[in-house]
N, C-alpha and C. Protein backbone atom coordinates (compact mmCIF):
# COMPACT_ATOMS: atom_id res chain seq x y z
N MET A 1 0.80 48.29 73.73
CA MET A 1 1.46 48.88 73.11
C MET A 1 1.05 49.55 71.32
N LYS A 2 -0.28 48.69 70.70
CA LYS A 2 -0.76 48.77 69.71
C LYS A 2 -2.11 49.74 70.06
N ALA A 3 -2.62 49.68 70.96
CA ALA A 3 -3.73 50.29 71.35
C ALA A 3 -3.08 51.72 71.72
N ASN A 4 -1.85 52.44 72.51
CA ASN A 4 -1.32 53.87 72.26
C ASN A 4 -0.84 54.19 71.01
N ALA A 5 -0.29 53.36 70.34
CA ALA A 5 -0.05 53.55 68.86
C ALA A 5 -0.99 54.41 68.21
N LEU A 6 -2.29 53.44 68.30
CA LEU A 6 -3.68 53.46 67.55
C LEU A 6 -4.32 55.07 68.08
N ARG A 7 -4.10 55.01 69.29
CA ARG A 7 -4.62 56.04 69.89
C ARG A 7 -4.18 57.70 69.60
N LEU A 8 -2.60 57.38 70.04
CA LEU A 8 -1.71 58.43 69.33
C LEU A 8 -2.04 58.93 67.64
N ALA A 9 -1.98 57.95 67.38
CA ALA A 9 -2.94 58.02 65.43
C ALA A 9 -4.03 59.19 65.48
N LEU A 10 -4.81 58.22 65.89
CA LEU A 10 -6.20 58.71 66.04
C LEU A 10 -5.72 60.35 66.41
N THR A 11 -5.28 60.61 67.64
CA THR A 11 -5.34 62.20 68.20
C THR A 11 -4.40 63.05 66.88
N LEU A 12 -3.72 62.42 66.74
CA LEU A 12 -2.75 63.34 65.54
C LEU A 12 -3.98 63.77 64.70
N ALA A 13 -4.16 62.93 63.78
CA ALA A 13 -5.19 62.93 62.77
C ALA A 13 -6.16 63.66 63.08
N LEU A 14 -7.04 63.48 64.00
CA LEU A 14 -8.21 64.31 64.86
C LEU A 14 -7.68 65.96 64.85
N GLY A 15 -6.53 65.94 65.50
CA GLY A 15 -6.06 67.27 65.25
C GLY A 15 -5.31 68.00 64.38
N VAL A 16 -5.01 67.32 63.64
CA VAL A 16 -4.81 67.79 61.91
C VAL A 16 -6.43 68.41 61.19
N ALA A 17 -7.22 67.38 61.40
CA ALA A 17 -8.51 67.60 61.20
C ALA A 17 -9.23 69.02 61.23
N CYS A 18 -9.16 68.94 62.96
CA CYS A 18 -9.65 70.42 63.49
C CYS A 18 -8.87 71.21 62.65
N ARG A 19 -7.62 71.75 63.03
CA ARG A 19 -7.08 72.43 62.92
C ARG A 19 -7.38 72.72 61.25
N ARG A 20 -7.37 72.21 60.22
CA ARG A 20 -7.98 72.23 58.90
C ARG A 20 -9.09 73.13 59.06
N ASP A 21 -10.14 72.66 59.93
CA ASP A 21 -11.22 72.82 59.72
C ASP A 21 -11.67 74.51 60.55
N ALA A 22 -10.39 74.73 61.13
CA ALA A 22 -10.41 75.86 62.23
C ALA A 22 -11.28 76.99 61.60
N PRO A 23 -11.51 78.22 62.39
CA PRO A 23 -12.01 79.17 61.33
C PRO A 23 -11.33 80.21 61.00
N SER A 24 -10.75 80.26 59.62
CA SER A 24 -10.15 81.57 59.08
C SER A 24 -9.98 82.70 59.35
N VAL A 25 -9.30 83.88 58.94
CA VAL A 25 -9.11 84.74 59.24
C VAL A 25 -9.78 84.95 57.44
N VAL A 26 -9.26 84.61 56.77
CA VAL A 26 -9.27 84.58 54.97
C VAL A 26 -10.69 84.16 54.83
N LYS A 27 -11.34 85.20 53.98
CA LYS A 27 -12.47 85.47 53.26
C LYS A 27 -12.26 84.67 51.96
N GLU A 28 -11.25 84.70 51.15
CA GLU A 28 -11.24 84.61 49.54
C GLU A 28 -9.40 84.62 49.69
N ALA A 29 -9.06 83.26 49.09
CA ALA A 29 -8.06 83.04 48.58
C ALA A 29 -7.92 82.64 47.53
N GLU A 30 -6.72 83.10 46.16
CA GLU A 30 -6.49 82.87 44.91
C GLU A 30 -5.44 82.97 44.57
N PHE A 31 -4.99 81.95 43.90
CA PHE A 31 -3.49 81.54 43.24
C PHE A 31 -3.51 81.77 41.78
N GLY A 32 -2.97 82.72 40.93
CA GLY A 32 -3.34 82.65 39.74
C GLY A 32 -2.25 83.73 39.04
N VAL A 33 -2.66 84.92 37.87
CA VAL A 33 -2.13 85.40 36.98
C VAL A 33 -2.71 86.71 37.73
N PHE A 34 -1.94 87.94 37.82
CA PHE A 34 -2.78 89.15 38.47
C PHE A 34 -2.61 89.72 36.65
N PHE A 35 -3.79 90.40 36.67
CA PHE A 35 -4.24 91.12 35.21
C PHE A 35 -5.54 91.86 35.86
N GLY A 36 -5.25 92.92 35.61
CA GLY A 36 -6.40 94.03 35.25
C GLY A 36 -7.00 94.37 36.58
N GLY A 37 -6.20 94.24 37.70
CA GLY A 37 -6.59 94.18 39.25
C GLY A 37 -7.04 93.00 39.87
N GLN A 38 -7.56 91.95 38.98
CA GLN A 38 -8.17 90.60 39.09
C GLN A 38 -6.99 89.66 38.93
N VAL A 39 -7.38 88.14 39.68
CA VAL A 39 -6.45 87.38 39.72
C VAL A 39 -7.18 86.24 38.89
N GLN A 40 -6.20 85.90 37.55
CA GLN A 40 -7.07 84.66 36.42
C GLN A 40 -6.48 83.54 37.59
N GLU A 41 -7.43 82.46 37.90
CA GLU A 41 -7.27 81.31 38.39
C GLU A 41 -6.75 80.27 37.14
N LEU A 42 -5.73 80.26 36.55
CA LEU A 42 -5.75 79.47 35.40
C LEU A 42 -5.05 77.97 35.85
N LYS A 43 -5.24 76.92 35.23
CA LYS A 43 -5.10 75.81 35.06
C LYS A 43 -3.43 74.94 34.44
N GLU A 44 -3.33 76.29 33.76
CA GLU A 44 -2.10 76.33 33.18
C GLU A 44 -1.83 77.83 32.96
N ILE A 45 -0.44 78.09 33.56
CA ILE A 45 0.24 79.51 33.53
C ILE A 45 1.32 79.33 32.64
N GLU A 46 1.86 80.43 31.60
CA GLU A 46 2.91 80.60 30.55
C GLU A 46 4.28 80.85 31.39
N LYS A 47 5.47 80.31 31.27
CA LYS A 47 6.35 80.68 31.89
C LYS A 47 6.58 81.85 31.57
N GLU A 48 6.07 83.26 31.64
CA GLU A 48 6.91 84.57 31.22
C GLU A 48 8.01 85.15 32.14
N LEU A 49 9.13 85.29 31.82
CA LEU A 49 10.07 85.90 32.68
C LEU A 49 10.30 86.92 32.81
N ASP A 50 9.59 87.99 31.95
CA ASP A 50 9.69 89.20 32.29
C ASP A 50 8.09 89.45 33.01
N PRO A 51 8.65 90.01 34.65
CA PRO A 51 7.44 90.47 35.19
C PRO A 51 6.23 91.79 35.00
N ALA A 52 7.15 92.59 34.01
CA ALA A 52 6.02 93.66 33.69
C ALA A 52 5.25 93.13 32.61
N ARG A 53 5.75 91.94 31.81
CA ARG A 53 4.54 91.45 30.90
C ARG A 53 3.61 90.65 31.70
N GLN A 54 3.94 89.57 32.79
CA GLN A 54 2.99 88.76 33.60
C GLN A 54 3.70 88.74 34.78
N ARG A 55 2.57 89.04 36.15
CA ARG A 55 3.12 88.37 37.07
C ARG A 55 1.70 87.28 37.37
N HIS A 56 2.37 86.09 38.55
CA HIS A 56 1.30 85.62 39.06
C HIS A 56 1.66 85.58 40.46
N GLY A 57 0.96 84.97 41.04
CA GLY A 57 0.95 84.87 42.61
C GLY A 57 -0.09 84.83 43.58
N VAL A 58 0.04 85.11 44.65
CA VAL A 58 -1.54 85.07 45.87
C VAL A 58 -2.10 86.35 46.41
N ARG A 59 -3.11 85.92 46.02
CA ARG A 59 -4.08 87.10 46.82
C ARG A 59 -4.96 86.44 48.19
N LEU A 60 -5.03 86.91 48.88
CA LEU A 60 -5.62 86.77 50.05
C LEU A 60 -6.64 87.71 50.57
N VAL A 61 -7.95 87.61 50.59
CA VAL A 61 -9.16 89.03 51.51
C VAL A 61 -9.41 88.40 52.43
N PHE A 62 -9.24 89.17 53.74
CA PHE A 62 -9.71 88.91 54.75
C PHE A 62 -10.75 89.10 55.10
N ASP A 63 -11.58 88.42 56.06
CA ASP A 63 -12.83 88.95 56.49
C ASP A 63 -13.03 90.42 56.73
N ARG A 64 -11.85 90.96 57.55
CA ARG A 64 -12.07 92.18 57.66
C ARG A 64 -10.95 93.02 57.78
N ALA A 65 -10.75 93.97 58.24
CA ALA A 65 -9.18 94.59 58.22
C ALA A 65 -8.58 93.67 59.49
N LEU A 66 -7.63 93.44 59.57
CA LEU A 66 -6.79 92.92 60.57
C LEU A 66 -6.40 93.69 61.82
N SER A 67 -6.63 92.81 63.16
CA SER A 67 -6.59 93.52 64.44
C SER A 67 -5.13 93.07 64.64
N ARG A 68 -4.44 91.97 64.42
CA ARG A 68 -3.02 91.62 64.68
C ARG A 68 -2.15 91.25 63.13
N ASP A 69 -1.07 90.63 63.81
CA ASP A 69 -0.15 90.35 62.75
C ASP A 69 -0.63 88.72 62.29
N VAL A 70 -0.68 88.09 61.05
CA VAL A 70 -0.77 87.25 60.58
C VAL A 70 0.09 86.35 59.67
N LYS A 71 0.78 85.33 60.10
CA LYS A 71 1.50 84.98 59.69
C LYS A 71 1.62 84.20 58.12
N VAL A 72 1.85 84.43 56.71
CA VAL A 72 1.23 83.91 55.54
C VAL A 72 2.49 83.05 55.15
N THR A 73 2.49 81.41 55.11
CA THR A 73 3.42 80.76 54.48
C THR A 73 3.40 80.21 52.99
N TRP A 74 4.28 79.66 51.86
CA TRP A 74 3.94 79.53 50.77
C TRP A 74 4.97 78.48 50.42
N GLU A 75 4.32 77.48 49.25
CA GLU A 75 5.16 76.52 49.22
C GLU A 75 5.33 75.84 47.42
N LEU A 76 5.88 76.38 46.46
CA LEU A 76 5.31 75.76 44.94
C LEU A 76 6.29 74.91 44.62
N SER A 77 6.00 73.88 44.99
CA SER A 77 6.92 72.33 44.60
C SER A 77 6.35 72.42 42.95
N LEU A 78 7.88 71.82 42.95
CA LEU A 78 8.19 71.94 41.05
C LEU A 78 7.91 70.71 40.62
N PRO A 79 7.67 70.25 39.27
CA PRO A 79 7.64 68.83 38.79
C PRO A 79 8.49 67.94 39.38
N ALA A 80 8.22 66.99 39.60
CA ALA A 80 9.07 65.78 40.02
C ALA A 80 10.11 65.27 38.77
N PRO A 81 11.42 64.94 39.31
CA PRO A 81 12.61 64.93 38.48
C PRO A 81 12.26 63.67 37.72
N GLU A 82 13.04 63.54 36.47
CA GLU A 82 12.79 62.62 35.58
C GLU A 82 13.18 61.25 35.84
N ARG A 83 14.38 61.34 36.97
CA ARG A 83 15.28 60.78 37.52
C ARG A 83 14.47 60.10 38.87
N GLY A 84 13.73 60.92 39.15
CA GLY A 84 12.96 59.96 40.45
C GLY A 84 13.62 60.95 41.63
N GLY A 85 13.33 60.90 42.76
CA GLY A 85 13.67 61.40 43.84
C GLY A 85 12.62 62.45 44.17
N PRO A 86 12.81 63.17 45.80
CA PRO A 86 11.87 64.33 46.06
C PRO A 86 11.71 65.15 44.81
N ARG A 87 11.09 66.14 45.18
CA ARG A 87 10.71 67.39 44.39
C ARG A 87 11.13 68.38 45.11
N ALA A 88 11.53 69.20 44.11
CA ALA A 88 12.37 70.70 44.94
C ALA A 88 11.03 71.98 45.15
N ALA A 89 11.48 72.43 45.71
CA ALA A 89 10.03 73.20 46.49
C ALA A 89 11.11 74.79 46.47
N GLN A 90 9.96 75.58 46.17
CA GLN A 90 10.19 77.11 46.57
C GLN A 90 9.61 77.57 47.80
N VAL A 91 10.05 77.94 48.66
CA VAL A 91 9.30 78.39 49.72
C VAL A 91 9.80 79.68 50.38
N GLY A 92 8.58 80.41 51.01
CA GLY A 92 8.19 82.25 51.04
C GLY A 92 7.33 82.66 52.53
N GLU A 93 7.28 83.15 53.03
CA GLU A 93 6.72 83.41 54.18
C GLU A 93 6.76 85.32 54.55
N THR A 94 5.76 85.32 54.44
CA THR A 94 5.62 86.97 54.81
C THR A 94 4.73 87.31 55.72
N THR A 95 4.49 88.51 56.57
CA THR A 95 3.28 88.56 57.79
C THR A 95 2.22 89.68 56.94
N ALA A 96 1.12 89.58 57.44
CA ALA A 96 0.13 90.26 56.91
C ALA A 96 -0.24 91.10 58.43
N ARG A 97 0.06 92.19 58.33
CA ARG A 97 0.23 93.42 59.37
C ARG A 97 -1.32 94.08 59.59
N PRO A 98 -1.56 94.51 61.19
CA PRO A 98 -2.88 95.04 61.36
C PRO A 98 -3.52 96.14 59.85
N GLY A 99 -5.03 96.05 60.38
CA GLY A 99 -5.14 97.09 59.53
C GLY A 99 -5.23 96.30 57.82
N GLN A 100 -4.72 95.77 57.33
CA GLN A 100 -4.94 95.32 56.14
C GLN A 100 -5.69 94.76 55.88
N ALA A 101 -6.67 94.61 54.46
CA ALA A 101 -7.96 93.72 54.68
C ALA A 101 -7.58 92.79 53.50
N SER A 102 -6.27 93.02 52.73
CA SER A 102 -6.24 91.79 51.87
C SER A 102 -4.47 92.11 51.92
N LEU A 103 -4.25 91.15 50.66
CA LEU A 103 -2.61 90.80 50.78
C LEU A 103 -2.26 90.10 49.60
N ASP A 104 -1.30 90.71 48.68
CA ASP A 104 -1.28 90.00 47.24
C ASP A 104 0.70 90.03 47.62
N VAL A 105 0.59 88.62 47.33
CA VAL A 105 1.87 88.27 46.90
C VAL A 105 2.47 88.16 45.71
N PRO A 106 3.28 88.81 45.01
CA PRO A 106 3.34 88.41 43.90
C PRO A 106 4.68 87.53 43.19
N LEU A 107 4.76 86.81 42.29
CA LEU A 107 5.96 86.23 42.53
C LEU A 107 6.16 86.02 40.63
N SER A 108 7.55 85.57 40.41
CA SER A 108 7.77 85.44 38.94
C SER A 108 8.79 84.20 38.79
N PHE A 109 8.88 84.01 37.60
CA PHE A 109 9.20 82.74 37.24
C PHE A 109 11.10 82.83 37.17
N ARG A 110 11.76 81.98 37.51
CA ARG A 110 13.31 82.08 36.65
C ARG A 110 13.57 81.35 35.80
N PRO A 111 14.71 81.84 35.09
CA PRO A 111 14.89 81.05 33.89
C PRO A 111 15.24 79.46 34.17
N GLN A 112 15.49 78.96 35.27
CA GLN A 112 15.68 77.53 35.35
C GLN A 112 14.92 76.80 36.08
N ASP A 113 13.61 77.77 36.11
CA ASP A 113 12.30 77.04 36.48
C ASP A 113 12.00 76.06 35.25
N PRO A 114 11.13 74.66 35.76
CA PRO A 114 11.09 73.72 34.44
C PRO A 114 9.28 73.34 33.95
N LEU A 115 9.30 73.69 32.87
CA LEU A 115 7.58 73.18 32.55
C LEU A 115 6.98 71.95 33.17
N GLY A 116 6.17 71.93 33.22
CA GLY A 116 5.15 70.93 34.01
C GLY A 116 4.38 71.03 34.94
N VAL A 117 3.99 70.09 35.84
CA VAL A 117 3.08 70.08 36.94
C VAL A 117 3.32 70.71 37.97
N TRP A 118 3.08 71.59 38.84
CA TRP A 118 3.69 72.26 39.56
C TRP A 118 2.21 72.23 40.76
N HIS A 119 2.68 72.36 42.13
CA HIS A 119 1.94 72.01 43.14
C HIS A 119 1.79 73.69 44.09
N ALA A 120 0.85 74.33 44.53
CA ALA A 120 0.45 75.41 45.28
C ALA A 120 0.47 75.48 46.40
N LYS A 121 0.71 75.60 47.56
CA LYS A 121 0.27 75.56 48.82
C LYS A 121 0.31 76.72 50.08
N VAL A 122 -0.81 77.13 50.02
CA VAL A 122 -0.56 78.31 51.03
C VAL A 122 -1.04 78.02 52.56
N VAL A 123 -0.38 78.60 53.44
CA VAL A 123 -0.81 78.71 54.38
C VAL A 123 -1.10 79.86 55.39
N ALA A 124 -2.09 80.66 55.45
CA ALA A 124 -2.34 81.46 57.00
C ALA A 124 -3.10 81.36 58.03
N ASP A 125 -2.29 81.82 58.83
CA ASP A 125 -2.22 81.94 60.15
C ASP A 125 -2.79 80.36 60.56
N GLY A 126 -1.87 79.77 59.99
CA GLY A 126 -2.12 78.25 60.26
C GLY A 126 -2.92 77.46 60.08
N VAL A 127 -3.72 77.98 58.72
CA VAL A 127 -4.77 77.23 58.19
C VAL A 127 -4.13 76.89 56.81
N VAL A 128 -4.74 75.99 55.76
CA VAL A 128 -4.16 75.95 54.32
C VAL A 128 -5.50 76.81 53.94
N VAL A 129 -5.00 77.64 53.00
CA VAL A 129 -6.04 78.67 52.23
C VAL A 129 -5.93 78.07 50.81
N ILE A 130 -5.10 77.60 50.40
CA ILE A 130 -4.72 77.04 48.74
C ILE A 130 -3.94 75.84 49.10
N ASP A 131 -4.56 74.48 47.82
CA ASP A 131 -3.74 73.97 47.99
C ASP A 131 -3.85 72.97 46.59
N ARG A 132 -3.45 73.34 45.44
CA ARG A 132 -3.92 72.90 44.42
C ARG A 132 -2.47 73.10 43.51
N ASP A 133 -3.01 72.43 42.13
CA ASP A 133 -1.84 71.91 41.12
C ASP A 133 -2.22 72.72 40.06
N PHE A 134 -1.20 73.16 39.63
CA PHE A 134 -1.08 74.26 38.05
C PHE A 134 -0.37 73.70 37.11
N THR A 135 0.05 73.57 36.22
CA THR A 135 0.45 73.50 35.20
C THR A 135 1.37 74.48 34.32
N VAL A 136 2.78 74.71 34.29
CA VAL A 136 3.60 75.61 33.84
C VAL A 136 3.71 75.63 32.64
N ILE A 137 3.68 76.39 31.31
CA ILE A 137 3.74 75.64 29.99
C ILE A 137 4.66 76.80 29.41
N ALA A 138 5.12 76.36 28.48
CA ALA A 138 6.12 77.71 27.50
C ALA A 138 5.26 78.11 26.84
N ARG A 139 5.81 79.50 26.92
CA ARG A 139 5.75 81.05 26.54
C ARG A 139 5.11 80.70 25.16
N THR A 140 3.76 81.45 24.60
CA THR A 140 3.31 81.08 23.16
C THR A 140 4.22 82.71 22.37
N PRO A 141 5.19 82.35 21.27
CA PRO A 141 5.65 83.17 21.05
C PRO A 141 4.24 84.33 20.31
N PRO A 142 5.24 85.56 20.48
CA PRO A 142 3.76 86.52 19.85
C PRO A 142 3.67 86.81 18.12
N PRO A 143 2.21 86.43 17.72
CA PRO A 143 2.54 86.18 16.65
C PRO A 143 3.21 87.44 15.57
N ARG A 144 3.89 86.65 14.17
CA ARG A 144 4.11 87.40 13.69
C ARG A 144 3.46 87.70 12.63
N VAL A 145 3.89 89.60 12.39
CA VAL A 145 3.09 90.24 11.19
C VAL A 145 4.11 90.62 10.18
N ALA A 146 3.24 90.45 8.91
CA ALA A 146 4.04 90.37 7.82
C ALA A 146 4.22 92.25 8.47
N PRO A 147 4.96 92.72 7.44
CA PRO A 147 5.77 94.19 6.97
C PRO A 147 4.55 94.79 5.96
N LYS A 148 4.18 96.28 6.32
CA LYS A 148 2.91 96.21 5.10
C LYS A 148 4.61 96.81 4.43
N PRO A 149 4.27 96.92 2.50
CA PRO A 149 4.75 96.67 1.69
C PRO A 149 4.47 98.35 1.25
N LEU A 150 5.79 98.84 0.64
CA LEU A 150 5.97 100.15 0.81
C LEU A 150 5.20 100.99 -0.61
N PRO A 151 4.64 101.67 -0.44
CA PRO A 151 3.65 102.09 -1.68
C PRO A 151 5.01 102.41 -2.85
N PRO A 152 4.32 102.22 -4.54
CA PRO A 152 5.64 102.25 -5.05
C PRO A 152 5.74 103.93 -5.16
N ARG A 153 7.03 103.84 -5.42
CA ARG A 153 7.62 105.25 -6.12
C ARG A 153 7.24 105.97 -7.23
N GLY A 154 6.62 107.07 -7.54
CA GLY A 154 6.51 107.24 -8.91
C GLY A 154 7.43 108.72 -8.92
N PRO A 155 7.36 109.11 -10.35
CA PRO A 155 8.42 109.62 -10.88
C PRO A 155 8.13 111.32 -9.85
N SER A 156 7.11 111.34 -8.87
CA SER A 156 7.11 112.76 -8.98
C SER A 156 7.79 112.49 -7.21
N SER A 157 7.80 111.41 -6.46
CA SER A 157 8.13 111.31 -5.29
C SER A 157 9.72 111.53 -5.02
N ALA A 158 10.52 110.98 -6.38
CA ALA A 158 11.93 111.81 -6.43
C ALA A 158 12.52 113.20 -5.97
N ARG A 159 11.37 114.38 -5.93
CA ARG A 159 12.03 115.30 -5.91
C ARG A 159 12.38 116.12 -4.30
């Protein structure tokens, strides 16, 4: 009985390890903030609610233009609750279509999203391509600029 259980565990472990090492159609995978046509892979991302000011997400660049559909799934695990228990997660799925050489998956923060350490995991075509932590921090308020004083009004400016 123990030998069968050990054999099953070893087979499952090897199967998972083999799939993780399987060749991927993804040449480059990035998770971070979209900025100027690039993705900044930051350890800390400000919680900006306005997507016009900041978008974060996933960018996958494929080895070559795809010849078939490729399923892409992602999971963002939120920080563990202070009272303990399981972590909540945001999940999503899309399909990269034939002919695509890259795929952007833009994401946005919601007002109820907590600050703290999150975890991003992205799977493309059954292979894990992103698996990392990042920290969501409070948005830094813009610097306050003192208004310029008005020039003094002289007697000639009253006309």
